[in-house]
PDB file of N, CA and C in Angstrom:
ATOM      1  N   MET A   1      32.413  13.545 -51.413  1.00  0.00           N
ATOM      2  CA  MET A   1      31.550  14.345 -50.497  1.00  0.00           C
ATOM      3  C   MET A   1      31.228  13.296 -49.639  1.00  0.00           C
ATOM      4  N   ALA A   2      30.784  12.238 -50.724  1.00  0.00           N
ATOM      5  CA  ALA A   2      29.753  11.101 -49.489  1.00  0.00           C
ATOM      6  C   ALA A   2      30.560  10.262 -48.679  1.00  0.00           C
ATOM      7  N   LYS A   3      32.141  10.552 -48.701  1.00  0.00           N
ATOM      8  CA  LYS A   3      32.801   9.887 -47.611  1.00  0.00           C
ATOM      9  C   LYS A   3      32.824  10.603 -46.892  1.00  0.00           C
ATOM     10  N   HIS A   4      32.764  11.545 -46.801  1.00  0.00           N
ATOM     11  CA  HIS A   4      32.986  12.552 -45.453  1.00  0.00           C
ATOM     12  C   HIS A   4      31.343  12.760 -44.999  1.00  0.00           C
ATOM     13  N   GLY A   5      30.476  11.697 -44.854  1.00  0.00           N
ATOM     14  CA  GLY A   5      29.327  11.722 -44.302  1.00  0.00           C
ATOM     15  C   GLY A   5      28.378  12.902 -44.831  1.00  0.00           C
ATOM     16  N   GLY A   6      28.734  12.589 -45.957  1.00  0.00           N
ATOM     17  CA  GLY A   6      27.456  13.909 -46.769  1.00  0.00           C
ATOM     18  C   GLY A   6      26.235  12.637 -47.091  1.00  0.00           C
ATOM     19  N   TYR A   7      25.106  13.249 -47.687  1.00  0.00           N
ATOM     20  CA  TYR A   7      23.743  12.727 -47.845  1.00  0.00           C
ATOM     21  C   TYR A   7      24.096  11.351 -48.910  1.00  0.00           C
ATOM     22  N   MET A   8      24.882  11.578 -49.802  1.00  0.00           N
ATOM     23  CA  MET A   8      25.176  10.948 -50.862  1.00  0.00           C
ATOM     24  C   MET A   8      25.292   9.179 -50.812  1.00  0.00           C
ATOM     25  N   GLY A   9      25.860   9.354 -49.782  1.00  0.00           N
ATOM     26  CA  GLY A   9      25.921   7.813 -49.077  1.00  0.00           C
ATOM     27  C   GLY A   9      25.627   7.110 -48.154  1.00  0.00           C
ATOM     28  N   GLY A  10      24.675   7.832 -47.512  1.00  0.00           N
ATOM     29  CA  GLY A  10      23.401   6.972 -46.799  1.00  0.00           C
ATOM     30  C   GLY A  10      23.683   8.384 -45.342  1.00  0.00           C
ATOM     31  N   MET A  11      23.198   7.897 -44.304  1.00  0.00           N
ATOM     32  CA  MET A  11      23.000   8.699 -43.121  1.00  0.00           C
ATOM     33  C   MET A  11      24.418   9.260 -42.797  1.00  0.00           C
ATOM     34  N   PRO A  12      24.593  10.666 -42.610  1.00  0.00           N
ATOM     35  CA  PRO A  12      25.768  11.555 -41.884  1.00  0.00           C
ATOM     36  C   PRO A  12      26.208  10.847 -40.543  1.00  0.00           C
ATOM     37  N   GLY A  13      27.254  11.356 -40.136  1.00  0.00           N
ATOM     38  CA  GLY A  13      27.789  10.493 -38.898  1.00  0.00           C
ATOM     39  C   GLY A  13      27.420  10.819 -38.091  1.00  0.00           C
ATOM     40  N   ASN A  14      26.961  12.442 -37.859  1.00  0.00           N
ATOM     41  CA  ASN A  14      26.290  12.719 -37.019  1.00  0.00           C
ATOM     42  C   ASN A  14      24.408  12.621 -36.486  1.00  0.00           C
ATOM     43  N   MET A  15      24.099  11.889 -37.606  1.00  0.00           N
ATOM     44  CA  MET A  15      22.713  11.594 -37.799  1.00  0.00           C
ATOM     45  C   MET A  15      22.857  10.363 -37.037  1.00  0.00           C
ATOM     46  N   GLN A  16      24.151   9.340 -37.527  1.00  0.00           N
ATOM     47  CA  GLN A  16      24.131   7.647 -37.023  1.00  0.00           C
ATOM     48  C   GLN A  16      24.168   7.953 -35.632  1.00  0.00           C
ATOM     49  N   ASN A  17      25.208   8.858 -34.710  1.00  0.00           N
ATOM     50  CA  ASN A  17      25.375   9.306 -33.637  1.00  0.00           C
ATOM     51  C   ASN A  17      23.955   9.665 -32.858  1.00  0.00           C
ATOM     52  N   LEU A  18      23.164  10.552 -33.452  1.00  0.00           N
ATOM     53  CA  LEU A  18      21.892  10.593 -32.606  1.00  0.00           C
ATOM     54  C   LEU A  18      21.305   9.205 -32.926  1.00  0.00           C
ATOM     55  N   MET A  19      20.797   8.958 -33.765  1.00  0.00           N
ATOM     56  CA  MET A  19      20.015   7.464 -33.318  1.00  0.00           C
ATOM     57  C   MET A  19      20.230   6.454 -32.640  1.00  0.00           C
ATOM     58  N   ARG A  20      21.694   6.389 -32.482  1.00  0.00           N
ATOM     59  CA  ARG A  20      22.630   5.389 -31.388  1.00  0.00           C
ATOM     60  C   ARG A  20      21.808   5.910 -29.866  1.00  0.00           C
ATOM     61  N   GLN A  21      21.868   7.325 -29.814  1.00  0.00           N
ATOM     62  CA  GLN A  21      21.965   8.057 -28.313  1.00  0.00           C
ATOM     63  C   GLN A  21      20.423   7.517 -28.372  1.00  0.00           C
ATOM     64  N   ALA A  22      19.300   7.966 -28.940  1.00  0.00           N
ATOM     65  CA  ALA A  22      18.121   7.796 -29.181  1.00  0.00           C
ATOM     66  C   ALA A  22      18.059   6.603 -28.821  1.00  0.00           C
ATOM     67  N   GLN A  23      18.626   5.232 -29.483  1.00  0.00           N
ATOM     68  CA  GLN A  23      18.401   4.003 -29.208  1.00  0.00           C
ATOM     69  C   GLN A  23      18.397   3.547 -27.299  1.00  0.00           C
ATOM     70  N   ARG A  24      19.688   4.234 -27.626  1.00  0.00           N
ATOM     71  CA  ARG A  24      20.126   3.776 -25.873  1.00  0.00           C
ATOM     72  C   ARG A  24      19.549   4.244 -25.006  1.00  0.00           C
ATOM     73  N   MET A  25      19.581   5.966 -25.256  1.00  0.00           N
ATOM     74  CA  MET A  25      18.399   6.490 -24.149  1.00  0.00           C
ATOM     75  C   MET A  25      16.522   5.794 -23.679  1.00  0.00           C
ATOM     76  N   GLN A  26      16.193   5.265 -25.016  1.00  0.00           N
ATOM     77  CA  GLN A  26      15.002   4.308 -24.933  1.00  0.00           C
ATOM     78  C   GLN A  26      14.943   2.966 -24.615  1.00  0.00           C
ATOM     79  N   ARG A  27      16.238   2.513 -24.407  1.00  0.00           N
ATOM     80  CA  ARG A  27      16.520   1.073 -23.727  1.00  0.00           C
ATOM     81  C   ARG A  27      16.540   1.580 -22.224  1.00  0.00           C
ATOM     82  N   GLN A  28      17.502   2.322 -22.057  1.00  0.00           N
ATOM     83  CA  GLN A  28      17.626   2.971 -20.848  1.00  0.00           C
ATOM     84  C   GLN A  28      15.981   3.330 -19.679  1.00  0.00           C
ATOM     85  N   MET A  29      15.096   4.213 -20.759  1.00  0.00           N
ATOM     86  CA  MET A  29      14.134   4.002 -20.219  1.00  0.00           C
ATOM     87  C   MET A  29      13.352   3.162 -20.133  1.00  0.00           C
ATOM     88  N   GLU A  30      13.322   2.179 -20.784  1.00  0.00           N
ATOM     89  CA  GLU A  30      12.471   0.867 -20.918  1.00  0.00           C
ATOM     90  C   GLU A  30      12.735  -0.262 -19.507  1.00  0.00           C
ATOM     91  N   GLU A  31      14.291   0.121 -19.428  1.00  0.00           N
ATOM     92  CA  GLU A  31      14.903  -0.621 -18.224  1.00  0.00           C
ATOM     93  C   GLU A  31      14.231   0.392 -16.741  1.00  0.00           C
ATOM     94  N   SER A  32      14.351   1.105 -16.727  1.00  0.00           N
ATOM     95  CA  SER A  32      13.950   2.060 -15.362  1.00  0.00           C
ATOM     96  C   SER A  32      11.698   2.126 -15.296  1.00  0.00           C
ATOM     97  N   ARG A  33      11.685   1.967 -16.565  1.00  0.00           N
ATOM     98  CA  ARG A  33      10.094   2.179 -16.253  1.00  0.00           C
ATOM     99  C   ARG A  33       9.771   0.267 -16.066  1.00  0.00           C
ATOM    100  N   LYS A  34      10.703  -0.703 -15.952  1.00  0.00           N
ATOM    101  CA  LYS A  34      10.325  -2.090 -15.347  1.00  0.00           C
ATOM    102  C   LYS A  34      10.573  -1.967 -13.932  1.00  0.00           C
ATOM    103  N   GLU A  35      11.347  -1.706 -14.056  1.00  0.00           N
ATOM    104  CA  GLU A  35      12.009  -1.401 -12.082  1.00  0.00           C
ATOM    105  C   GLU A  35      10.961  -0.645 -11.516  1.00  0.00           C
ATOM    106  N   LEU A  36      10.379   0.732 -12.293  1.00  0.00           N
ATOM    107  CA  LEU A  36       9.674   1.629 -11.239  1.00  0.00           C
ATOM    108  C   LEU A  36       8.493   0.744 -11.123  1.00  0.00           C
ATOM    109  N   ASP A  37       7.903  -0.356 -11.990  1.00  0.00           N
ATOM    110  CA  ASP A  37       6.697  -1.070 -11.988  1.00  0.00           C
ATOM    111  C   ASP A  37       6.964  -1.842 -11.452  1.00  0.00           C
ATOM    112  N   ALA A  38       7.881  -2.642 -10.882  1.00  0.00           N
ATOM    113  CA  ALA A  38       8.026  -3.657  -9.874  1.00  0.00           C
ATOM    114  C   ALA A  38       8.370  -3.288  -8.452  1.00  0.00           C
ATOM    115  N   LYS A  39       8.296  -1.971  -7.756  1.00  0.00           N
ATOM    116  CA  LYS A  39       8.447  -1.133  -7.066  1.00  0.00           C
ATOM    117  C   LYS A  39       6.735  -0.922  -6.314  1.00  0.00           C
ATOM    118  N   GLU A  40       7.168  -0.879  -5.268  1.00  0.00           N
ATOM    119  CA  GLU A  40       5.727  -1.152  -4.127  1.00  0.00           C
ATOM    120  C   GLU A  40       5.627   0.314  -3.566  1.00  0.00           C
ATOM    121  N   PHE A  41       4.432   0.497  -3.353  1.00  0.00           N
ATOM    122  CA  PHE A  41       4.031   2.087  -2.948  1.00  0.00           C
ATOM    123  C   PHE A  41       3.253   1.845  -1.672  1.00  0.00           C
ATOM    124  N   THR A  42       3.358   2.563  -0.406  1.00  0.00           N
ATOM    125  CA  THR A  42       2.326   2.131   0.372  1.00  0.00           C
ATOM    126  C   THR A  42       2.070   3.488   1.293  1.00  0.00           C
ATOM    127  N   ALA A  43       0.857   3.515   1.528  1.00  0.00           N
ATOM    128  CA  ALA A  43       0.210   4.943   2.882  1.00  0.00           C
ATOM    129  C   ALA A  43      -0.848   4.570   3.277  1.00  0.00           C
ATOM    130  N   ALA A  44      -0.817   5.248   4.365  1.00  0.00           N
ATOM    131  CA  ALA A  44      -1.977   4.681   5.379  1.00  0.00           C
ATOM    132  C   ALA A  44      -2.771   5.900   5.449  1.00  0.00           C
ATOM    133  N   ALA A  45      -3.701   5.689   6.169  1.00  0.00           N
ATOM    134  CA  ALA A  45      -4.579   6.851   6.735  1.00  0.00           C
ATOM    135  C   ALA A  45      -5.349   6.499   7.726  1.00  0.00           C
ATOM    136  N   GLY A  46      -5.498   7.517   8.735  1.00  0.00           N
ATOM    137  CA  GLY A  46      -6.591   6.850   9.972  1.00  0.00           C
ATOM    138  C   GLY A  46      -5.368   6.428  10.905  1.00  0.00           C
ATOM    139  N   GLY A  47      -4.164   6.738  11.166  1.00  0.00           N
ATOM    140  CA  GLY A  47      -3.492   6.389  12.070  1.00  0.00           C
ATOM    141  C   GLY A  47      -3.191   5.363  11.739  1.00  0.00           C
ATOM    142  N   GLY A  48      -2.906   4.667  10.290  1.00  0.00           N
ATOM    143  CA  GLY A  48      -2.769   3.742  10.482  1.00  0.00           C
ATOM    144  C   GLY A  48      -3.507   2.164  10.177  1.00  0.00           C
ATOM    145  N   ALA A  49      -4.840   2.774  10.543  1.00  0.00           N
ATOM    146  CA  ALA A  49      -5.876   1.770  10.314  1.00  0.00           C
ATOM    147  C   ALA A  49      -6.018   1.258   8.900  1.00  0.00           C
ATOM    148  N   VAL A  50      -5.870   2.180   7.842  1.00  0.00           N
ATOM    149  CA  VAL A  50      -5.904   1.407   6.502  1.00  0.00           C
ATOM    150  C   VAL A  50      -4.405   1.546   6.221  1.00  0.00           C
ATOM    151  N   GLU A  51      -4.425   0.547   5.061  1.00  0.00           N
ATOM    152  CA  GLU A  51      -3.104   0.672   4.570  1.00  0.00           C
ATOM    153  C   GLU A  51      -3.465   0.310   3.168  1.00  0.00           C
ATOM    154  N   VAL A  52      -3.178   1.268   2.044  1.00  0.00           N
ATOM    155  CA  VAL A  52      -2.964   0.799   0.446  1.00  0.00           C
ATOM    156  C   VAL A  52      -1.963   0.652   0.051  1.00  0.00           C
ATOM    157  N   THR A  53      -1.718  -0.798  -0.615  1.00  0.00           N
ATOM    158  CA  THR A  53       0.002  -0.826  -1.462  1.00  0.00           C
ATOM    159  C   THR A  53      -0.153  -0.618  -3.045  1.00  0.00           C
ATOM    160  N   LEU A  54       0.048   0.066  -3.691  1.00  0.00           N
ATOM    161  CA  LEU A  54      -0.194   0.012  -5.407  1.00  0.00           C
ATOM    162  C   LEU A  54       1.316  -0.253  -5.976  1.00  0.00           C
ATOM    163  N   THR A  55       1.421  -0.718  -7.372  1.00  0.00           N
ATOM    164  CA  THR A  55       2.666  -1.018  -7.652  1.00  0.00           C
ATOM    165  C   THR A  55       3.101  -0.083  -8.474  1.00  0.00           C
ATOM    166  N   GLY A  56       4.056   0.178  -9.102  1.00  0.00           N
ATOM    167  CA  GLY A  56       5.083   1.713  -9.845  1.00  0.00           C
ATOM    168  C   GLY A  56       4.070   2.170 -11.243  1.00  0.00           C
ATOM    169  N   ASP A  57       3.293   0.719 -11.670  1.00  0.00           N
ATOM    170  CA  ASP A  57       2.696   1.091 -13.133  1.00  0.00           C
ATOM    171  C   ASP A  57       0.734   1.242 -12.521  1.00  0.00           C
ATOM    172  N   HIS A  58       0.873   1.531 -11.201  1.00  0.00           N
ATOM    173  CA  HIS A  58      -0.553   2.099 -10.680  1.00  0.00           C
ATOM    174  C   HIS A  58      -1.223   0.700 -10.326  1.00  0.00           C
ATOM    175  N   LYS A  59      -1.107  -0.422 -10.253  1.00  0.00           N
ATOM    176  CA  LYS A  59      -2.270  -1.708 -10.014  1.00  0.00           C
ATOM    177  C   LYS A  59      -2.232  -1.412  -8.406  1.00  0.00           C
ATOM    178  N   LEU A  60      -3.412  -1.609  -8.234  1.00  0.00           N
ATOM    179  CA  LEU A  60      -3.475  -2.242  -6.835  1.00  0.00           C
ATOM    180  C   LEU A  60      -3.211  -3.151  -6.056  1.00  0.00           C
ATOM    181  N   LYS A  61      -2.138  -3.784  -5.112  1.00  0.00           N
ATOM    182  CA  LYS A  61      -1.494  -4.610  -4.354  1.00  0.00           C
ATOM    183  C   LYS A  61      -2.573  -5.329  -3.919  1.00  0.00           C
ATOM    184  N   SER A  62      -2.617  -4.555  -2.706  1.00  0.00           N
ATOM    185  CA  SER A  62      -3.590  -4.762  -1.286  1.00  0.00           C
ATOM    186  C   SER A  62      -3.807  -3.709  -0.624  1.00  0.00           C
ATOM    187  N   ILE A  63      -5.055  -3.860   0.426  1.00  0.00           N
ATOM    188  CA  ILE A  63      -5.520  -2.906   1.146  1.00  0.00           C
ATOM    189  C   ILE A  63      -5.448  -3.736   2.404  1.00  0.00           C
ATOM    190  N   ARG A  64      -4.875  -3.202   3.199  1.00  0.00           N
ATOM    191  CA  ARG A  64      -4.943  -3.401   4.666  1.00  0.00           C
ATOM    192  C   ARG A  64      -6.007  -2.834   5.963  1.00  0.00           C
ATOM    193  N   ILE A  65      -6.883  -3.399   6.200  1.00  0.00           N
ATOM    194  CA  ILE A  65      -8.127  -2.821   6.963  1.00  0.00           C
ATOM    195  C   ILE A  65      -7.613  -3.043   8.800  1.00  0.00           C
ATOM    196  N   SER A  66      -7.407  -2.415   9.472  1.00  0.00           N
ATOM    197  CA  SER A  66      -7.174  -2.936  11.065  1.00  0.00           C
ATOM    198  C   SER A  66      -8.880  -3.347  10.971  1.00  0.00           C
ATOM    199  N   PRO A  67      -8.846  -4.378  12.040  1.00  0.00           N
ATOM    200  CA  PRO A  67     -10.375  -4.424  12.777  1.00  0.00           C
ATOM    201  C   PRO A  67     -10.991  -3.129  13.220  1.00  0.00           C
ATOM    202  N   GLU A  68     -10.037  -2.587  14.003  1.00  0.00           N
ATOM    203  CA  GLU A  68     -10.917  -1.429  14.837  1.00  0.00           C
ATOM    204  C   GLU A  68     -11.286  -0.311  14.031  1.00  0.00           C
ATOM    205  N   ALA A  69     -11.095  -0.350  12.690  1.00  0.00           N
ATOM    206  CA  ALA A  69     -11.770   1.004  11.308  1.00  0.00           C
ATOM    207  C   ALA A  69     -12.524   0.236  11.340  1.00  0.00           C
ATOM    208  N   VAL A  70     -13.181  -0.904  11.611  1.00  0.00           N
ATOM    209  CA  VAL A  70     -14.834  -1.482  10.794  1.00  0.00           C
ATOM    210  C   VAL A  70     -15.235  -1.003  11.876  1.00  0.00           C
ATOM    211  N   ASP A  71     -16.675   0.017  11.537  1.00  0.00           N
ATOM    212  CA  ASP A  71     -17.602   0.503  12.245  1.00  0.00           C
ATOM    213  C   ASP A  71     -18.642  -0.002  11.954  1.00  0.00           C
ATOM    214  N   PRO A  72     -19.545  -0.934  11.738  1.00  0.00           N
ATOM    215  CA  PRO A  72     -20.754  -0.667  11.101  1.00  0.00           C
ATOM    216  C   PRO A  72     -22.007   0.691  10.861  1.00  0.00           C
ATOM    217  N   ASP A  73     -21.590   1.213  11.938  1.00  0.00           N
ATOM    218  CA  ASP A  73     -22.511   2.754  11.996  1.00  0.00           C
ATOM    219  C   ASP A  73     -21.623   3.787  11.804  1.00  0.00           C
ATOM    220  N   ASP A  74     -20.648   3.313  11.058  1.00  0.00           N
ATOM    221  CA  ASP A  74     -19.776   4.585  10.332  1.00  0.00           C
ATOM    222  C   ASP A  74     -18.907   3.924   9.312  1.00  0.00           C
ATOM    223  N   VAL A  75     -19.575   3.815   8.103  1.00  0.00           N
ATOM    224  CA  VAL A  75     -18.839   3.030   6.997  1.00  0.00           C
ATOM    225  C   VAL A  75     -18.043   3.861   6.222  1.00  0.00           C
ATOM    226  N   GLU A  76     -19.035   5.201   6.293  1.00  0.00           N
ATOM    227  CA  GLU A  76     -18.802   6.112   5.377  1.00  0.00           C
ATOM    228  C   GLU A  76     -16.944   6.847   5.662  1.00  0.00           C
ATOM    229  N   MET A  77     -16.765   6.526   6.935  1.00  0.00           N
ATOM    230  CA  MET A  77     -14.934   6.822   7.625  1.00  0.00           C
ATOM    231  C   MET A  77     -14.241   6.075   7.042  1.00  0.00           C
ATOM    232  N   LEU A  78     -14.943   4.696   6.979  1.00  0.00           N
ATOM    233  CA  LEU A  78     -13.772   3.266   6.462  1.00  0.00           C
ATOM    234  C   LEU A  78     -13.452   3.989   4.881  1.00  0.00           C
ATOM    235  N   GLN A  79     -14.583   4.329   4.245  1.00  0.00           N
ATOM    236  CA  GLN A  79     -14.745   4.565   2.804  1.00  0.00           C
ATOM    237  C   GLN A  79     -13.459   5.855   2.934  1.00  0.00           C
ATOM    238  N   ASP A  80     -13.616   6.872   3.175  1.00  0.00           N
ATOM    239  CA  ASP A  80     -12.693   7.854   3.807  1.00  0.00           C
ATOM    240  C   ASP A  80     -11.687   7.752   3.313  1.00  0.00           C
ATOM    241  N   MET A  81     -11.127   6.712   4.628  1.00  0.00           N
ATOM    242  CA  MET A  81     -10.135   5.996   4.781  1.00  0.00           C
ATOM    243  C   MET A  81      -8.971   5.434   3.824  1.00  0.00           C
ATOM    244  N   ILE A  82      -9.675   4.294   3.091  1.00  0.00           N
ATOM    245  CA  ILE A  82      -9.207   3.917   1.977  1.00  0.00           C
ATOM    246  C   ILE A  82      -9.088   4.713   0.725  1.00  0.00           C
ATOM    247  N   THR A  83     -10.079   5.819   0.664  1.00  0.00           N
ATOM    248  CA  THR A  83      -9.643   6.637  -0.393  1.00  0.00           C
ATOM    249  C   THR A  83      -8.529   7.600  -0.139  1.00  0.00           C
ATOM    250  N   ALA A  84      -8.591   7.953   1.235  1.00  0.00           N
ATOM    251  CA  ALA A  84      -7.297   9.017   1.416  1.00  0.00           C
ATOM    252  C   ALA A  84      -5.708   8.011   1.292  1.00  0.00           C
ATOM    253  N   ALA A  85      -5.841   6.792   1.619  1.00  0.00           N
ATOM    254  CA  ALA A  85      -4.854   6.159   1.573  1.00  0.00           C
ATOM    255  C   ALA A  85      -4.685   5.964   0.183  1.00  0.00           C
ATOM    256  N   PHE A  86      -5.421   5.325  -0.473  1.00  0.00           N
ATOM    257  CA  PHE A  86      -5.062   4.975  -2.175  1.00  0.00           C
ATOM    258  C   PHE A  86      -4.722   6.436  -3.098  1.00  0.00           C
ATOM    259  N   ASN A  87      -5.354   7.411  -2.505  1.00  0.00           N
ATOM    260  CA  ASN A  87      -4.826   8.940  -3.253  1.00  0.00           C
ATOM    261  C   ASN A  87      -3.649   9.064  -2.597  1.00  0.00           C
ATOM    262  N   GLU A  88      -3.146   8.683  -1.590  1.00  0.00           N
ATOM    263  CA  GLU A  88      -1.609   9.229  -1.096  1.00  0.00           C
ATOM    264  C   GLU A  88      -0.508   7.899  -2.008  1.00  0.00           C
ATOM    265  N   ALA A  89      -0.967   7.026  -1.476  1.00  0.00           N
ATOM    266  CA  ALA A  89      -0.056   6.102  -2.490  1.00  0.00           C
ATOM    267  C   ALA A  89      -0.202   6.368  -3.978  1.00  0.00           C
ATOM    268  N   GLN A  90      -1.265   6.989  -5.011  1.00  0.00           N
ATOM    269  CA  GLN A  90      -1.400   7.150  -6.030  1.00  0.00           C
ATOM    270  C   GLN A  90      -0.144   7.977  -6.289  1.00  0.00           C
ATOM    271  N   ALA A  91      -0.065   9.378  -5.531  1.00  0.00           N
ATOM    272  CA  ALA A  91       0.760  10.561  -5.344  1.00  0.00           C
ATOM    273  C   ALA A  91       2.227   9.883  -5.424  1.00  0.00           C
ATOM    274  N   ALA A  92       2.432   9.067  -4.508  1.00  0.00           N
ATOM    275  CA  ALA A  92       3.973   8.653  -4.331  1.00  0.00           C
ATOM    276  C   ALA A  92       4.381   8.236  -5.858  1.00  0.00           C
ATOM    277  N   VAL A  93       3.540   7.316  -6.576  1.00  0.00           N
ATOM    278  CA  VAL A  93       3.776   6.433  -7.837  1.00  0.00           C
ATOM    279  C   VAL A  93       3.876   8.065  -8.585  1.00  0.00           C
ATOM    280  N   ASP A  94       3.243   8.500  -8.944  1.00  0.00           N
ATOM    281  CA  ASP A  94       3.309   9.956  -9.802  1.00  0.00           C
ATOM    282  C   ASP A  94       4.675  10.436  -9.345  1.00  0.00           C
ATOM    283  N   LYS A  95       5.088  10.933  -8.617  1.00  0.00           N
ATOM    284  CA  LYS A  95       6.338  11.586  -7.840  1.00  0.00           C
ATOM    285  C   LYS A  95       7.299  10.601  -8.085  1.00  0.00           C
ATOM    286  N   ALA A  96       7.267   9.476  -7.797  1.00  0.00           N
ATOM    287  CA  ALA A  96       8.340   8.300  -8.532  1.00  0.00           C
ATOM    288  C   ALA A  96       8.714   8.147 -10.193  1.00  0.00           C
ATOM    289  N   GLN A  97       7.445   8.510 -10.593  1.00  0.00           N
ATOM    290  CA  GLN A  97       7.552   8.442 -11.679  1.00  0.00           C
ATOM    291  C   GLN A  97       8.314   9.809 -12.628  1.00  0.00           C
ATOM    292  N   GLU A  98       8.023  10.925 -12.109  1.00  0.00           N
ATOM    293  CA  GLU A  98       8.460  12.136 -12.112  1.00  0.00           C
ATOM    294  C   GLU A  98      10.093  12.528 -11.612  1.00  0.00           C
ATOM    295  N   ASP A  99      10.075  11.953 -10.714  1.00  0.00           N
ATOM    296  CA  ASP A  99      11.945  11.607 -10.548  1.00  0.00           C
ATOM    297  C   ASP A  99      12.475  11.065 -11.375  1.00  0.00           C
ATOM    298  N   THR A 100      12.078   9.538 -11.714  1.00  0.00           N
ATOM    299  CA  THR A 100      12.877   8.818 -12.826  1.00  0.00           C
ATOM    300  C   THR A 100      12.697   9.467 -13.891  1.00  0.00           C
ATOM    301  N   PHE A 101      11.715  10.151 -14.514  1.00  0.00           N
ATOM    302  CA  PHE A 101      11.351  10.108 -15.674  1.00  0.00           C
ATOM    303  C   PHE A 101      11.443  11.995 -16.425  1.00  0.00           C
ATOM    304  N   GLY A 102      11.660  12.709 -15.619  1.00  0.00           N
ATOM    305  CA  GLY A 102      11.702  13.905 -15.732  1.00  0.00           C
ATOM    306  C   GLY A 102      10.625  14.694 -15.774  1.00  0.00           C
ATOM    307  N   GLY A 103       9.510  14.073 -16.202  1.00  0.00           N
ATOM    308  CA  GLY A 103       8.274  14.780 -16.807  1.00  0.00           C
ATOM    309  C   GLY A 103       8.252  14.559 -18.417  1.00  0.00           C
ATOM    310  N   MET A 104       9.063  13.819 -19.028  1.00  0.00           N
ATOM    311  CA  MET A 104       9.056  13.529 -20.633  1.00  0.00           C
ATOM    312  C   MET A 104       7.604  13.104 -20.772  1.00  0.00           C
ATOM    313  N   SER A 105       7.127  13.974 -21.602  1.00  0.00           N
ATOM    314  CA  SER A 105       5.695  13.503 -22.027  1.00  0.00           C
ATOM    315  C   SER A 105       5.434  12.472 -22.687  1.00  0.00           C
ATOM    316  N   GLY A 106       4.820  11.854 -22.686  1.00  0.00           N
ATOM    317  CA  GLY A 106       4.214  10.199 -23.205  1.00  0.00           C
ATOM    318  C   GLY A 106       4.767   9.081 -21.924  1.00  0.00           C
ATOM    319  N   ILE A 107       5.451   9.508 -20.813  1.00  0.00           N
ATOM    320  CA  ILE A 107       5.949   8.560 -19.772  1.00  0.00           C
ATOM    321  C   ILE A 107       4.706   7.952 -19.200  1.00  0.00           C
ATOM    322  N   GLY A 108       4.532   6.789 -19.152  1.00  0.00           N
ATOM    323  CA  GLY A 108       3.332   6.123 -18.200  1.00  0.00           C
ATOM    324  C   GLY A 108       2.118   6.703 -18.476  1.00  0.00           C
ATOM    325  N   MET A 109       1.880   7.463 -19.376  1.00  0.00           N
ATOM    326  CA  MET A 109       0.339   8.012 -19.490  1.00  0.00           C
ATOM    327  C   MET A 109      -0.280   7.029 -20.575  1.00  0.00           C
TER     328      MET A 109
END
């Protein structure tokens, strides 16, 4: 009985195959995560007056502010544009994660 994949001789054949598949999937997910983390996502607000770039692992890489966007009498507008651009870039990263990992729980969280 054990030589046909029974429990006496160790792990059954189907279980070994499942473990190998799980390990392969884990390696593929790790590679996909590394690729996504290296990507950059840029979003703009205020007609391009503000640009925010994030990496795929949600790290802020850069903020570009056009000199025309800097109005000392309306700092709140600049703050709103930065926030809007950041949120848009964040949403792009989230969508890329969803596209890459299909909403698997625990990925990127």
